[in-house]
Amino acid sequence: MAFLGIASLIAFIVSHVIVLFDFIEEMHEAGRAVPTSHLRAGIGAPAAVLITVGATILALFLWQVTAALWKPLCYAQIGGLAVATSYAVLVPVFYSIAVLD
């Protein structure tokens, strides 16, 4: 069950990175400068990501209390989401390094 949680976690994290990249690209199309768009992506776009992650972690905490079979899946996803969300702040930084070089 933990492996199933990790496999689904990968898709979840990739979708969050896509949201960040899409936000940055929309800012570029709106005519914003590269540093400005990446700064706003680092501050503005994570709000949607944090709301989604917060709701998911809360649901997983409630679910793992009632279903003993699903506990490994819940623990894997809770830990993975917490770590991946903290690293999601670095995505605009790495993207700006790749674009500016």
N, C-alpha and C. Protein backbone atom coordinates (compact mmCIF):
# COMPACT_ATOMS: atom_id res chain seq x y z
N MET A 1 0.81 -1.19 0.00
CA MET A 1 0.00 0.00 0.00
C MET A 1 0.87 1.27 0.00
N ALA A 2 2.01 1.21 0.67
CA ALA A 2 2.89 2.38 0.69
C ALA A 2 3.41 2.68 -0.71
N PHE A 3 3.72 1.63 -1.47
CA PHE A 3 4.20 1.86 -2.84
C PHE A 3 3.12 2.50 -3.69
N LEU A 4 1.89 2.11 -3.50
CA LEU A 4 0.78 2.74 -4.22
C LEU A 4 0.68 4.22 -3.85
N GLY A 5 0.90 4.53 -2.58
CA GLY A 5 0.89 5.92 -2.15
C GLY A 5 2.01 6.72 -2.78
N ILE A 6 3.19 6.13 -2.89
CA ILE A 6 4.32 6.82 -3.51
C ILE A 6 4.08 7.02 -5.00
N ALA A 7 3.53 6.01 -5.66
CA ALA A 7 3.26 6.12 -7.10
C ALA A 7 2.25 7.23 -7.39
N SER A 8 1.20 7.31 -6.60
CA SER A 8 0.21 8.37 -6.82
C SER A 8 0.76 9.73 -6.39
N LEU A 9 1.68 9.73 -5.45
CA LEU A 9 2.30 10.98 -5.00
C LEU A 9 3.12 11.61 -6.11
N ILE A 10 3.76 10.80 -6.92
CA ILE A 10 4.56 11.32 -8.03
C ILE A 10 3.67 12.10 -9.00
N ALA A 11 2.52 11.58 -9.33
CA ALA A 11 1.60 12.29 -10.23
C ALA A 11 1.10 13.58 -9.60
N PHE A 12 0.87 13.56 -8.33
CA PHE A 12 0.39 14.74 -7.61
C PHE A 12 1.44 15.85 -7.63
N ILE A 13 2.69 15.50 -7.39
CA ILE A 13 3.77 16.48 -7.37
C ILE A 13 4.02 17.04 -8.76
N VAL A 14 3.99 16.19 -9.76
CA VAL A 14 4.18 16.66 -11.13
C VAL A 14 3.10 17.66 -11.52
N SER A 15 1.87 17.42 -11.11
CA SER A 15 0.80 18.36 -11.44
C SER A 15 1.02 19.70 -10.76
N HIS A 16 1.58 19.70 -9.56
CA HIS A 16 1.85 20.96 -8.87
C HIS A 16 2.96 21.74 -9.56
N VAL A 17 3.97 21.04 -10.04
CA VAL A 17 5.05 21.71 -10.78
C VAL A 17 4.52 22.28 -12.08
N ILE A 18 3.62 21.57 -12.73
CA ILE A 18 3.01 22.07 -13.96
C ILE A 18 2.22 23.34 -13.68
N VAL A 19 1.52 23.40 -12.55
CA VAL A 19 0.79 24.62 -12.17
C VAL A 19 1.75 25.78 -12.02
N LEU A 20 2.90 25.56 -11.39
CA LEU A 20 3.88 26.62 -11.23
C LEU A 20 4.44 27.08 -12.57
N PHE A 21 4.80 26.13 -13.44
CA PHE A 21 5.32 26.50 -14.76
C PHE A 21 4.27 27.25 -15.58
N ASP A 22 3.03 26.83 -15.50
CA ASP A 22 1.97 27.49 -16.23
C ASP A 22 1.78 28.92 -15.73
N PHE A 23 1.86 29.11 -14.43
CA PHE A 23 1.75 30.44 -13.85
C PHE A 23 2.88 31.34 -14.36
N ILE A 24 4.10 30.81 -14.40
CA ILE A 24 5.24 31.58 -14.89
C ILE A 24 5.04 31.94 -16.37
N GLU A 25 4.60 30.99 -17.17
CA GLU A 25 4.40 31.25 -18.60
C GLU A 25 3.29 32.27 -18.84
N GLU A 26 2.23 32.23 -18.04
CA GLU A 26 1.18 33.23 -18.17
C GLU A 26 1.70 34.62 -17.85
N MET A 27 2.58 34.70 -16.86
CA MET A 27 3.17 36.00 -16.52
C MET A 27 4.06 36.51 -17.66
N HIS A 28 4.80 35.59 -18.30
CA HIS A 28 5.64 35.99 -19.45
C HIS A 28 4.77 36.51 -20.59
N GLU A 29 3.67 35.82 -20.86
CA GLU A 29 2.79 36.23 -21.95
C GLU A 29 2.12 37.57 -21.66
N ALA A 30 1.94 37.87 -20.37
CA ALA A 30 1.33 39.14 -20.00
C ALA A 30 2.32 40.30 -20.09
N GLY A 31 3.58 39.98 -20.40
CA GLY A 31 4.57 41.02 -20.59
C GLY A 31 5.43 41.31 -19.37
N ARG A 32 5.36 40.48 -18.37
CA ARG A 32 6.18 40.69 -17.17
C ARG A 32 7.63 40.29 -17.46
N ALA A 33 8.55 40.92 -16.78
CA ALA A 33 9.96 40.57 -16.90
C ALA A 33 10.22 39.22 -16.23
N VAL A 34 11.30 38.59 -16.61
CA VAL A 34 11.61 37.25 -16.09
C VAL A 34 11.74 37.24 -14.57
N PRO A 35 12.53 38.13 -13.96
CA PRO A 35 12.63 38.08 -12.50
C PRO A 35 11.31 38.35 -11.79
N THR A 36 10.52 39.27 -12.34
CA THR A 36 9.23 39.59 -11.72
C THR A 36 8.27 38.41 -11.79
N SER A 37 8.21 37.76 -12.94
CA SER A 37 7.29 36.63 -13.08
C SER A 37 7.70 35.47 -12.19
N HIS A 38 8.98 35.25 -12.03
CA HIS A 38 9.42 34.15 -11.18
C HIS A 38 9.21 34.47 -9.71
N LEU A 39 9.37 35.73 -9.35
CA LEU A 39 9.12 36.13 -7.97
C LEU A 39 7.64 35.99 -7.64
N ARG A 40 6.79 36.43 -8.56
CA ARG A 40 5.35 36.28 -8.33
C ARG A 40 4.91 34.82 -8.33
N ALA A 41 5.57 33.99 -9.12
CA ALA A 41 5.25 32.56 -9.11
C ALA A 41 5.67 31.93 -7.80
N GLY A 42 6.77 32.39 -7.24
CA GLY A 42 7.21 31.86 -5.96
C GLY A 42 6.33 32.27 -4.81
N ILE A 43 5.62 33.41 -4.97
CA ILE A 43 4.77 33.91 -3.90
C ILE A 43 3.29 33.61 -4.17
N GLY A 44 2.84 33.85 -5.40
CA GLY A 44 1.41 33.78 -5.70
C GLY A 44 0.88 32.40 -6.02
N ALA A 45 1.58 31.66 -6.85
CA ALA A 45 1.07 30.35 -7.28
C ALA A 45 1.05 29.32 -6.16
N PRO A 46 1.99 29.33 -5.21
CA PRO A 46 1.91 28.33 -4.15
C PRO A 46 0.66 28.41 -3.30
N ALA A 47 -0.08 29.51 -3.36
CA ALA A 47 -1.32 29.59 -2.58
C ALA A 47 -2.30 28.50 -3.01
N ALA A 48 -2.46 28.32 -4.30
CA ALA A 48 -3.34 27.26 -4.80
C ALA A 48 -2.79 25.89 -4.45
N VAL A 49 -1.49 25.75 -4.55
CA VAL A 49 -0.86 24.47 -4.22
C VAL A 49 -1.01 24.17 -2.73
N LEU A 50 -0.80 25.17 -1.89
CA LEU A 50 -0.91 24.96 -0.44
C LEU A 50 -2.33 24.62 0.00
N ILE A 51 -3.31 25.22 -0.64
CA ILE A 51 -4.70 24.89 -0.31
C ILE A 51 -5.00 23.44 -0.67
N THR A 52 -4.55 23.02 -1.84
CA THR A 52 -4.78 21.64 -2.27
C THR A 52 -4.05 20.65 -1.38
N VAL A 53 -2.80 20.94 -1.07
CA VAL A 53 -2.02 20.04 -0.23
C VAL A 53 -2.58 19.99 1.18
N GLY A 54 -2.97 21.13 1.71
CA GLY A 54 -3.55 21.17 3.05
C GLY A 54 -4.82 20.34 3.16
N ALA A 55 -5.68 20.47 2.17
CA ALA A 55 -6.92 19.69 2.18
C ALA A 55 -6.63 18.19 2.04
N THR A 56 -5.66 17.86 1.21
CA THR A 56 -5.31 16.44 1.02
C THR A 56 -4.71 15.85 2.28
N ILE A 57 -3.80 16.57 2.93
CA ILE A 57 -3.18 16.06 4.16
C ILE A 57 -4.23 15.91 5.26
N LEU A 58 -5.14 16.87 5.39
CA LEU A 58 -6.20 16.76 6.39
C LEU A 58 -7.07 15.53 6.12
N ALA A 59 -7.44 15.32 4.88
CA ALA A 59 -8.25 14.15 4.53
C ALA A 59 -7.51 12.85 4.81
N LEU A 60 -6.21 12.82 4.52
CA LEU A 60 -5.43 11.61 4.77
C LEU A 60 -5.29 11.33 6.26
N PHE A 61 -5.13 12.39 7.07
CA PHE A 61 -5.10 12.19 8.53
C PHE A 61 -6.41 11.60 9.03
N LEU A 62 -7.52 12.11 8.53
CA LEU A 62 -8.82 11.59 8.96
C LEU A 62 -9.06 10.18 8.46
N TRP A 63 -8.57 9.88 7.26
CA TRP A 63 -8.79 8.57 6.67
C TRP A 63 -7.95 7.51 7.36
N GLN A 64 -6.72 7.82 7.74
CA GLN A 64 -5.85 6.81 8.33
C GLN A 64 -6.33 6.40 9.71
N VAL A 65 -7.15 7.23 10.37
CA VAL A 65 -7.68 6.87 11.68
C VAL A 65 -8.71 5.76 11.56
N THR A 66 -9.49 5.78 10.49
CA THR A 66 -10.58 4.83 10.37
C THR A 66 -10.24 3.56 9.60
N ALA A 67 -9.24 3.61 8.74
CA ALA A 67 -8.95 2.46 7.88
C ALA A 67 -7.52 1.98 8.11
N ALA A 68 -7.38 0.87 8.83
CA ALA A 68 -6.05 0.35 9.19
C ALA A 68 -5.28 -0.13 7.97
N LEU A 69 -5.98 -0.65 6.96
CA LEU A 69 -5.31 -1.15 5.77
C LEU A 69 -4.63 -0.03 4.99
N TRP A 70 -5.17 1.16 5.04
CA TRP A 70 -4.67 2.28 4.25
C TRP A 70 -3.62 3.13 4.97
N LYS A 71 -3.27 2.79 6.20
CA LYS A 71 -2.31 3.61 6.96
C LYS A 71 -0.98 3.78 6.25
N PRO A 72 -0.35 2.72 5.70
CA PRO A 72 0.93 2.93 5.01
C PRO A 72 0.81 3.89 3.83
N LEU A 73 -0.28 3.81 3.09
CA LEU A 73 -0.51 4.73 1.98
C LEU A 73 -0.64 6.15 2.49
N CYS A 74 -1.40 6.33 3.55
CA CYS A 74 -1.60 7.67 4.11
C CYS A 74 -0.29 8.25 4.62
N TYR A 75 0.49 7.46 5.33
CA TYR A 75 1.76 7.96 5.87
C TYR A 75 2.73 8.32 4.74
N ALA A 76 2.77 7.51 3.71
CA ALA A 76 3.67 7.80 2.58
C ALA A 76 3.26 9.10 1.89
N GLN A 77 1.97 9.30 1.70
CA GLN A 77 1.52 10.51 1.02
C GLN A 77 1.64 11.75 1.91
N ILE A 78 1.36 11.63 3.17
CA ILE A 78 1.49 12.78 4.07
C ILE A 78 2.94 13.24 4.12
N GLY A 79 3.86 12.32 4.31
CA GLY A 79 5.27 12.68 4.36
C GLY A 79 5.77 13.21 3.04
N GLY A 80 5.39 12.57 1.95
CA GLY A 80 5.82 13.01 0.63
C GLY A 80 5.27 14.38 0.26
N LEU A 81 4.02 14.63 0.58
CA LEU A 81 3.43 15.94 0.28
C LEU A 81 4.07 17.04 1.10
N ALA A 82 4.37 16.75 2.36
CA ALA A 82 5.00 17.76 3.20
C ALA A 82 6.39 18.13 2.68
N VAL A 83 7.18 17.13 2.31
CA VAL A 83 8.52 17.39 1.80
C VAL A 83 8.46 18.05 0.42
N ALA A 84 7.63 17.54 -0.46
CA ALA A 84 7.55 18.06 -1.82
C ALA A 84 7.01 19.49 -1.85
N THR A 85 6.12 19.82 -0.96
CA THR A 85 5.60 21.18 -0.92
C THR A 85 6.66 22.16 -0.45
N SER A 86 7.49 21.73 0.47
CA SER A 86 8.58 22.61 0.90
C SER A 86 9.58 22.83 -0.23
N TYR A 87 9.77 21.83 -1.08
CA TYR A 87 10.67 21.99 -2.22
C TYR A 87 10.02 22.73 -3.38
N ALA A 88 8.70 22.82 -3.40
CA ALA A 88 8.00 23.50 -4.49
C ALA A 88 8.34 24.98 -4.53
N VAL A 89 8.77 25.52 -3.42
CA VAL A 89 9.18 26.93 -3.39
C VAL A 89 10.43 27.13 -4.24
N LEU A 90 11.24 26.09 -4.37
CA LEU A 90 12.49 26.20 -5.12
C LEU A 90 12.30 26.05 -6.63
N VAL A 91 11.15 25.60 -7.08
CA VAL A 91 10.92 25.38 -8.51
C VAL A 91 11.09 26.67 -9.31
N PRO A 92 10.50 27.80 -8.90
CA PRO A 92 10.73 29.03 -9.68
C PRO A 92 12.20 29.46 -9.68
N VAL A 93 12.92 29.17 -8.61
CA VAL A 93 14.34 29.53 -8.56
C VAL A 93 15.12 28.73 -9.59
N PHE A 94 14.90 27.42 -9.63
CA PHE A 94 15.60 26.59 -10.61
C PHE A 94 15.17 26.95 -12.03
N TYR A 95 13.91 27.27 -12.21
CA TYR A 95 13.42 27.65 -13.54
C TYR A 95 14.06 28.95 -14.00
N SER A 96 14.22 29.90 -13.09
CA SER A 96 14.84 31.17 -13.47
C SER A 96 16.32 30.98 -13.80
N ILE A 97 16.99 30.08 -13.11
CA ILE A 97 18.39 29.78 -13.43
C ILE A 97 18.48 29.16 -14.83
N ALA A 98 17.56 28.27 -15.17
CA ALA A 98 17.58 27.62 -16.47
C ALA A 98 17.24 28.61 -17.59
N VAL A 99 16.32 29.55 -17.34
CA VAL A 99 15.92 30.49 -18.37
C VAL A 99 16.98 31.56 -18.57
N LEU A 100 17.59 32.03 -17.50
CA LEU A 100 18.56 33.11 -17.62
C LEU A 100 19.90 32.66 -18.19
N ASP A 101 20.19 31.37 -18.14
CA ASP A 101 21.47 30.89 -18.68
C ASP A 101 21.42 30.63 -20.14
